[in-house]
Structure formats: C-alpha cells, structure tokens
Amino acid sequence: MNYQARCHCGRVRFSFRSPAITTASRCDCSLCVRRAAWLSPRYIPAADFTPHDKPEDLGAYLWNEKVLTNCFCKSCGIFVYIADGENGKDGYRVNLGCVEGLDVFALEVKRIDGKSLPVVGH
C-alpha cells in the first residue's frame, strides 16, 4: 500500500510503501516514552520511503549511539520519523500518528523493550 504522511502543520510531508499497517510499536526507552508515538511495526526500507524534500524544515535529534536520526518538524515540533544510518540508508521508522487516514487507536500495539538497551551517552 502507498501511504501519505505529514506533520501537524503540514510543512513536513513524506510517503512510503508498506504492507497494510495493522499493528504499531511502542518503545519504552526514555526518549520514546516522552514523545509517546505509535511507531511503524518495522523499519521501512529506504527504497520504499520518500523522505521530506526540504532538509531545512527538519530538526534532528541524535542520542545514545547516535545512529538513529529522530526527525521532527521545526515549525510545529511533531516527531515524524527515524532515519537509520546515513540519510536513512538502513531504513525509516515512521510515527504512525502522521499517516493520513490511519486510525492509530484501532491498531494492535506491540512493545519494544528499548529500556533494556544500554545508554551510551546523550
């Protein structure tokens, strides 16, 4: 399926191809608990993902091992996706709350045990 997504204000837009989304993931690491996002159940391969085309609209937060770029809209502050590897070469994990027409409250939620991962530094 083809999915369209955007931040709250609409400035940041992206799209991706994925099998039908019927589940979400919630991570319990210190960052994810604070942002309370429903995440895509798997990383979307870079070949199936079209990131926002204006890097100046995106803020980025790197933490722990600094390999996951947590991207958010500089205008409204909404977390939109995680890019794994340089420029997402290893895939993207999406904030499903940004996906147009997707009811996140209807999804089965699976827990990611991020709390058990070692924290390297901030």
N, C-alpha and C. Protein backbone atom coordinates (compact mmCIF):
# COMPACT_ATOMS: atom_id res chain seq x y z
N MET A 1 0.84 -1.18 0.00
CA MET A 1 0.00 0.00 0.00
C MET A 1 0.88 1.24 0.00
N ASN A 2 0.34 2.29 -0.56
CA ASN A 2 1.03 3.59 -0.56
C ASN A 2 0.42 4.45 0.55
N TYR A 3 1.28 5.01 1.37
CA TYR A 3 0.84 5.85 2.48
C TYR A 3 1.40 7.25 2.32
N GLN A 4 0.58 8.24 2.64
CA GLN A 4 0.97 9.64 2.67
C GLN A 4 0.98 10.08 4.13
N ALA A 5 1.92 10.93 4.50
CA ALA A 5 2.01 11.36 5.89
C ALA A 5 2.49 12.80 5.96
N ARG A 6 2.19 13.42 7.11
CA ARG A 6 2.61 14.81 7.32
C ARG A 6 2.63 15.12 8.80
N CYS A 7 3.34 16.19 9.12
CA CYS A 7 3.35 16.68 10.50
C CYS A 7 2.03 17.40 10.77
N HIS A 8 1.87 17.98 11.94
CA HIS A 8 0.62 18.65 12.30
C HIS A 8 0.33 19.87 11.43
N CYS A 9 1.34 20.70 11.19
CA CYS A 9 1.11 21.92 10.41
C CYS A 9 1.13 21.67 8.90
N GLY A 10 1.60 20.51 8.48
CA GLY A 10 1.62 20.17 7.06
C GLY A 10 2.88 20.58 6.33
N ARG A 11 3.79 21.20 7.02
CA ARG A 11 5.03 21.65 6.37
C ARG A 11 5.91 20.46 5.95
N VAL A 12 6.00 19.46 6.83
CA VAL A 12 6.81 18.27 6.54
C VAL A 12 5.88 17.18 6.01
N ARG A 13 6.19 16.71 4.81
CA ARG A 13 5.39 15.65 4.17
C ARG A 13 6.32 14.56 3.68
N PHE A 14 5.85 13.33 3.79
CA PHE A 14 6.63 12.19 3.32
C PHE A 14 5.67 11.07 2.94
N SER A 15 6.18 10.07 2.26
CA SER A 15 5.34 8.95 1.85
C SER A 15 6.16 7.67 1.88
N PHE A 16 5.46 6.54 1.86
CA PHE A 16 6.14 5.25 1.88
C PHE A 16 5.20 4.16 1.39
N ARG A 17 5.82 3.06 0.97
CA ARG A 17 5.10 1.85 0.58
C ARG A 17 5.32 0.82 1.67
N SER A 18 4.25 0.11 2.02
CA SER A 18 4.33 -0.89 3.08
C SER A 18 3.15 -1.84 2.93
N PRO A 19 3.30 -3.07 3.42
CA PRO A 19 2.10 -3.89 3.55
C PRO A 19 1.11 -3.14 4.43
N ALA A 20 -0.16 -3.51 4.35
CA ALA A 20 -1.19 -2.84 5.15
C ALA A 20 -0.76 -2.80 6.61
N ILE A 21 -0.88 -1.63 7.21
CA ILE A 21 -0.48 -1.45 8.61
C ILE A 21 -1.63 -1.85 9.52
N THR A 22 -1.42 -2.90 10.30
CA THR A 22 -2.44 -3.39 11.23
C THR A 22 -1.94 -3.40 12.67
N THR A 23 -0.64 -3.18 12.84
CA THR A 23 -0.06 -3.12 14.19
C THR A 23 0.84 -1.91 14.29
N ALA A 24 1.09 -1.53 15.51
CA ALA A 24 2.02 -0.43 15.80
C ALA A 24 2.98 -0.92 16.88
N SER A 25 4.06 -0.21 17.04
CA SER A 25 5.02 -0.50 18.11
C SER A 25 5.11 0.71 19.02
N ARG A 26 5.31 0.44 20.29
CA ARG A 26 5.58 1.49 21.28
C ARG A 26 6.85 1.09 21.98
N CYS A 27 7.83 1.95 21.97
CA CYS A 27 9.11 1.68 22.61
C CYS A 27 9.10 2.30 24.00
N ASP A 28 9.72 1.60 24.95
CA ASP A 28 9.74 2.11 26.32
C ASP A 28 11.08 2.74 26.72
N CYS A 29 11.93 3.10 25.72
CA CYS A 29 13.17 3.81 26.06
C CYS A 29 12.81 5.21 26.57
N SER A 30 13.76 5.89 27.16
CA SER A 30 13.48 7.19 27.77
C SER A 30 13.02 8.23 26.75
N LEU A 31 13.49 8.19 25.54
CA LEU A 31 13.07 9.13 24.51
C LEU A 31 11.65 8.83 24.04
N CYS A 32 11.39 7.60 23.69
CA CYS A 32 10.07 7.24 23.14
C CYS A 32 8.95 7.39 24.17
N VAL A 33 9.24 7.09 25.42
CA VAL A 33 8.22 7.27 26.45
C VAL A 33 7.81 8.73 26.52
N ARG A 34 8.76 9.64 26.39
CA ARG A 34 8.46 11.05 26.49
C ARG A 34 7.70 11.59 25.28
N ARG A 35 7.93 11.01 24.10
CA ARG A 35 7.21 11.51 22.93
C ARG A 35 5.93 10.74 22.65
N ALA A 36 5.76 9.55 23.26
CA ALA A 36 4.51 8.78 23.21
C ALA A 36 3.99 8.53 21.79
N ALA A 37 4.87 8.20 20.87
CA ALA A 37 4.46 7.97 19.48
C ALA A 37 4.16 6.50 19.22
N TRP A 38 3.19 6.27 18.34
CA TRP A 38 2.96 4.95 17.78
C TRP A 38 3.93 4.83 16.61
N LEU A 39 4.77 3.81 16.63
CA LEU A 39 5.77 3.64 15.59
C LEU A 39 5.36 2.55 14.60
N SER A 40 5.85 2.68 13.37
CA SER A 40 5.61 1.62 12.40
C SER A 40 6.16 0.31 12.98
N PRO A 41 5.51 -0.81 12.69
CA PRO A 41 5.92 -2.07 13.30
C PRO A 41 7.30 -2.56 12.84
N ARG A 42 7.79 -2.01 11.76
CA ARG A 42 9.11 -2.38 11.25
C ARG A 42 9.72 -1.16 10.58
N TYR A 43 11.01 -1.26 10.29
CA TYR A 43 11.66 -0.20 9.52
C TYR A 43 11.23 -0.33 8.07
N ILE A 44 10.94 0.79 7.45
CA ILE A 44 10.58 0.84 6.03
C ILE A 44 11.90 0.93 5.25
N PRO A 45 12.15 0.03 4.30
CA PRO A 45 13.39 0.11 3.52
C PRO A 45 13.49 1.46 2.80
N ALA A 46 14.69 1.97 2.68
CA ALA A 46 14.91 3.27 2.03
C ALA A 46 14.32 3.30 0.63
N ALA A 47 14.34 2.19 -0.09
CA ALA A 47 13.80 2.13 -1.45
C ALA A 47 12.29 2.33 -1.47
N ASP A 48 11.61 2.11 -0.34
CA ASP A 48 10.16 2.25 -0.26
C ASP A 48 9.73 3.53 0.46
N PHE A 49 10.67 4.42 0.72
CA PHE A 49 10.40 5.61 1.52
C PHE A 49 10.81 6.86 0.77
N THR A 50 9.94 7.86 0.77
CA THR A 50 10.26 9.16 0.18
C THR A 50 10.26 10.18 1.31
N PRO A 51 11.45 10.55 1.80
CA PRO A 51 11.52 11.50 2.91
C PRO A 51 11.12 12.91 2.47
N HIS A 52 10.92 13.76 3.45
CA HIS A 52 10.62 15.17 3.17
C HIS A 52 11.76 15.75 2.33
N ASP A 53 11.42 16.55 1.34
CA ASP A 53 12.43 17.01 0.36
C ASP A 53 13.12 18.33 0.71
N LYS A 54 12.80 18.92 1.85
CA LYS A 54 13.45 20.17 2.25
C LYS A 54 14.10 19.99 3.61
N PRO A 55 15.37 19.60 3.63
CA PRO A 55 16.03 19.33 4.92
C PRO A 55 15.99 20.50 5.90
N GLU A 56 15.88 21.70 5.39
CA GLU A 56 15.86 22.88 6.28
C GLU A 56 14.58 22.94 7.13
N ASP A 57 13.54 22.19 6.76
CA ASP A 57 12.29 22.14 7.54
C ASP A 57 12.38 21.17 8.71
N LEU A 58 13.39 20.30 8.70
CA LEU A 58 13.50 19.24 9.70
C LEU A 58 14.55 19.55 10.75
N GLY A 59 14.19 19.29 11.98
CA GLY A 59 15.16 19.27 13.06
C GLY A 59 15.56 17.83 13.25
N ALA A 60 16.71 17.61 13.85
CA ALA A 60 17.17 16.24 14.08
C ALA A 60 17.71 16.12 15.50
N TYR A 61 17.40 15.01 16.12
CA TYR A 61 17.91 14.73 17.45
C TYR A 61 18.60 13.38 17.42
N LEU A 62 19.88 13.39 17.78
CA LEU A 62 20.67 12.17 17.88
C LEU A 62 20.97 11.92 19.35
N TRP A 63 20.85 10.70 19.80
CA TRP A 63 21.19 10.40 21.18
C TRP A 63 21.73 8.99 21.26
N ASN A 64 22.11 8.58 22.44
CA ASN A 64 22.68 7.27 22.71
C ASN A 64 23.83 6.99 21.74
N GLU A 65 23.73 5.99 20.89
CA GLU A 65 24.84 5.65 19.99
C GLU A 65 24.90 6.54 18.76
N LYS A 66 23.98 7.46 18.65
CA LYS A 66 23.94 8.47 17.58
C LYS A 66 23.90 7.86 16.18
N VAL A 67 23.15 6.77 16.03
CA VAL A 67 22.99 6.14 14.71
C VAL A 67 21.57 6.31 14.17
N LEU A 68 20.65 6.70 15.05
CA LEU A 68 19.27 6.92 14.63
C LEU A 68 18.98 8.42 14.66
N THR A 69 18.60 8.97 13.52
CA THR A 69 18.26 10.38 13.44
C THR A 69 16.77 10.54 13.65
N ASN A 70 16.38 11.11 14.76
CA ASN A 70 14.99 11.35 15.09
C ASN A 70 14.60 12.70 14.49
N CYS A 71 13.78 12.68 13.46
CA CYS A 71 13.44 13.89 12.70
C CYS A 71 12.10 14.47 13.16
N PHE A 72 12.05 15.79 13.25
CA PHE A 72 10.84 16.47 13.66
C PHE A 72 10.69 17.76 12.87
N CYS A 73 9.46 18.25 12.78
CA CYS A 73 9.18 19.50 12.07
C CYS A 73 9.66 20.67 12.91
N LYS A 74 10.44 21.55 12.31
CA LYS A 74 10.93 22.74 13.02
C LYS A 74 9.81 23.73 13.30
N SER A 75 8.72 23.65 12.57
CA SER A 75 7.63 24.60 12.75
C SER A 75 6.67 24.18 13.88
N CYS A 76 6.13 22.95 13.81
CA CYS A 76 5.15 22.53 14.81
C CYS A 76 5.73 21.59 15.87
N GLY A 77 6.94 21.09 15.66
CA GLY A 77 7.61 20.27 16.66
C GLY A 77 7.25 18.79 16.64
N ILE A 78 6.40 18.36 15.72
CA ILE A 78 5.97 16.97 15.70
C ILE A 78 7.08 16.05 15.20
N PHE A 79 7.34 14.97 15.96
CA PHE A 79 8.26 13.92 15.55
C PHE A 79 7.62 13.18 14.38
N VAL A 80 8.34 13.05 13.25
CA VAL A 80 7.75 12.44 12.05
C VAL A 80 8.32 11.07 11.71
N TYR A 81 9.63 10.91 11.81
CA TYR A 81 10.23 9.61 11.52
C TYR A 81 11.66 9.53 12.04
N ILE A 82 12.14 8.29 12.08
CA ILE A 82 13.52 7.99 12.46
C ILE A 82 14.23 7.51 11.21
N ALA A 83 15.39 8.09 10.92
CA ALA A 83 16.22 7.62 9.81
C ALA A 83 17.36 6.80 10.41
N ASP A 84 17.48 5.56 9.97
CA ASP A 84 18.53 4.67 10.47
C ASP A 84 19.69 4.67 9.48
N GLY A 85 20.87 5.00 9.95
CA GLY A 85 22.03 5.08 9.07
C GLY A 85 22.08 6.44 8.39
N GLU A 86 23.16 6.68 7.66
CA GLU A 86 23.33 7.96 6.98
C GLU A 86 22.23 8.17 5.95
N ASN A 87 21.48 9.27 6.10
CA ASN A 87 20.37 9.61 5.21
C ASN A 87 19.37 8.47 5.06
N GLY A 88 19.17 7.68 6.11
CA GLY A 88 18.17 6.63 6.09
C GLY A 88 18.52 5.40 5.27
N LYS A 89 19.79 5.23 4.95
CA LYS A 89 20.17 4.11 4.07
C LYS A 89 19.76 2.75 4.63
N ASP A 90 19.62 2.65 5.95
CA ASP A 90 19.22 1.39 6.57
C ASP A 90 17.73 1.35 6.91
N GLY A 91 16.98 2.35 6.45
CA GLY A 91 15.53 2.34 6.64
C GLY A 91 15.01 3.46 7.51
N TYR A 92 13.68 3.49 7.62
CA TYR A 92 12.98 4.53 8.36
C TYR A 92 11.90 3.89 9.23
N ARG A 93 11.74 4.41 10.42
CA ARG A 93 10.62 4.03 11.27
C ARG A 93 9.74 5.26 11.38
N VAL A 94 8.46 5.10 11.15
CA VAL A 94 7.52 6.20 10.99
C VAL A 94 6.66 6.41 12.24
N ASN A 95 6.38 7.66 12.56
CA ASN A 95 5.38 8.00 13.57
C ASN A 95 4.02 7.81 12.90
N LEU A 96 3.32 6.74 13.25
CA LEU A 96 2.06 6.42 12.58
C LEU A 96 0.98 7.46 12.82
N GLY A 97 1.13 8.28 13.83
CA GLY A 97 0.18 9.37 14.06
C GLY A 97 0.20 10.41 12.94
N CYS A 98 1.23 10.39 12.12
CA CYS A 98 1.36 11.32 11.00
C CYS A 98 0.75 10.78 9.70
N VAL A 99 0.39 9.50 9.68
CA VAL A 99 -0.09 8.87 8.46
C VAL A 99 -1.56 9.23 8.23
N GLU A 100 -1.82 9.82 7.09
CA GLU A 100 -3.17 10.28 6.77
C GLU A 100 -4.14 9.11 6.63
N GLY A 101 -5.29 9.21 7.30
CA GLY A 101 -6.33 8.20 7.21
C GLY A 101 -6.11 6.96 8.04
N LEU A 102 -5.05 6.89 8.82
CA LEU A 102 -4.77 5.71 9.64
C LEU A 102 -5.25 5.98 11.07
N ASP A 103 -6.10 5.10 11.60
CA ASP A 103 -6.60 5.24 12.96
C ASP A 103 -5.66 4.48 13.90
N VAL A 104 -4.74 5.19 14.53
CA VAL A 104 -3.77 4.53 15.40
C VAL A 104 -4.44 3.86 16.60
N PHE A 105 -5.59 4.36 17.03
CA PHE A 105 -6.27 3.78 18.18
C PHE A 105 -6.89 2.42 17.86
N ALA A 106 -7.00 2.09 16.58
CA ALA A 106 -7.55 0.80 16.17
C ALA A 106 -6.47 -0.27 15.99
N LEU A 107 -5.20 0.11 16.12
CA LEU A 107 -4.10 -0.82 15.88
C LEU A 107 -3.74 -1.63 17.12
N GLU A 108 -3.37 -2.87 16.89
CA GLU A 108 -2.79 -3.67 17.97
C GLU A 108 -1.40 -3.11 18.23
N VAL A 109 -1.04 -2.94 19.49
CA VAL A 109 0.24 -2.32 19.83
C VAL A 109 1.17 -3.36 20.45
N LYS A 110 2.38 -3.41 19.91
CA LYS A 110 3.41 -4.30 20.44
C LYS A 110 4.50 -3.46 21.09
N ARG A 111 5.03 -3.95 22.18
CA ARG A 111 6.04 -3.21 22.94
C ARG A 111 7.44 -3.54 22.44
N ILE A 112 8.25 -2.50 22.29
CA ILE A 112 9.68 -2.65 22.02
C ILE A 112 10.40 -2.41 23.34
N ASP A 113 11.23 -3.33 23.75
CA ASP A 113 11.92 -3.22 25.03
C ASP A 113 13.18 -2.36 24.88
N GLY A 114 12.99 -1.08 24.61
CA GLY A 114 14.11 -0.16 24.47
C GLY A 114 14.75 0.18 25.80
N LYS A 115 14.01 0.02 26.89
CA LYS A 115 14.52 0.32 28.23
C LYS A 115 15.72 -0.56 28.57
N SER A 116 15.77 -1.77 28.00
CA SER A 116 16.85 -2.71 28.30
C SER A 116 18.11 -2.45 27.48
N LEU A 117 18.01 -1.59 26.46
CA LEU A 117 19.18 -1.29 25.65
C LEU A 117 20.13 -0.40 26.43
N PRO A 118 21.41 -0.62 26.32
CA PRO A 118 22.37 0.22 27.06
C PRO A 118 22.38 1.65 26.56
N VAL A 119 22.43 2.59 27.47
CA VAL A 119 22.54 4.00 27.12
C VAL A 119 24.02 4.35 27.11
N VAL A 120 24.48 4.84 25.94
CA VAL A 120 25.90 5.13 25.78
C VAL A 120 26.22 6.56 26.20
N GLY A 121 25.34 7.48 25.97
CA GLY A 121 25.55 8.88 26.33
C GLY A 121 24.52 9.75 25.65
N HIS A 122 24.49 11.00 25.97
CA HIS A 122 23.48 11.88 25.37
C HIS A 122 24.13 12.95 24.57
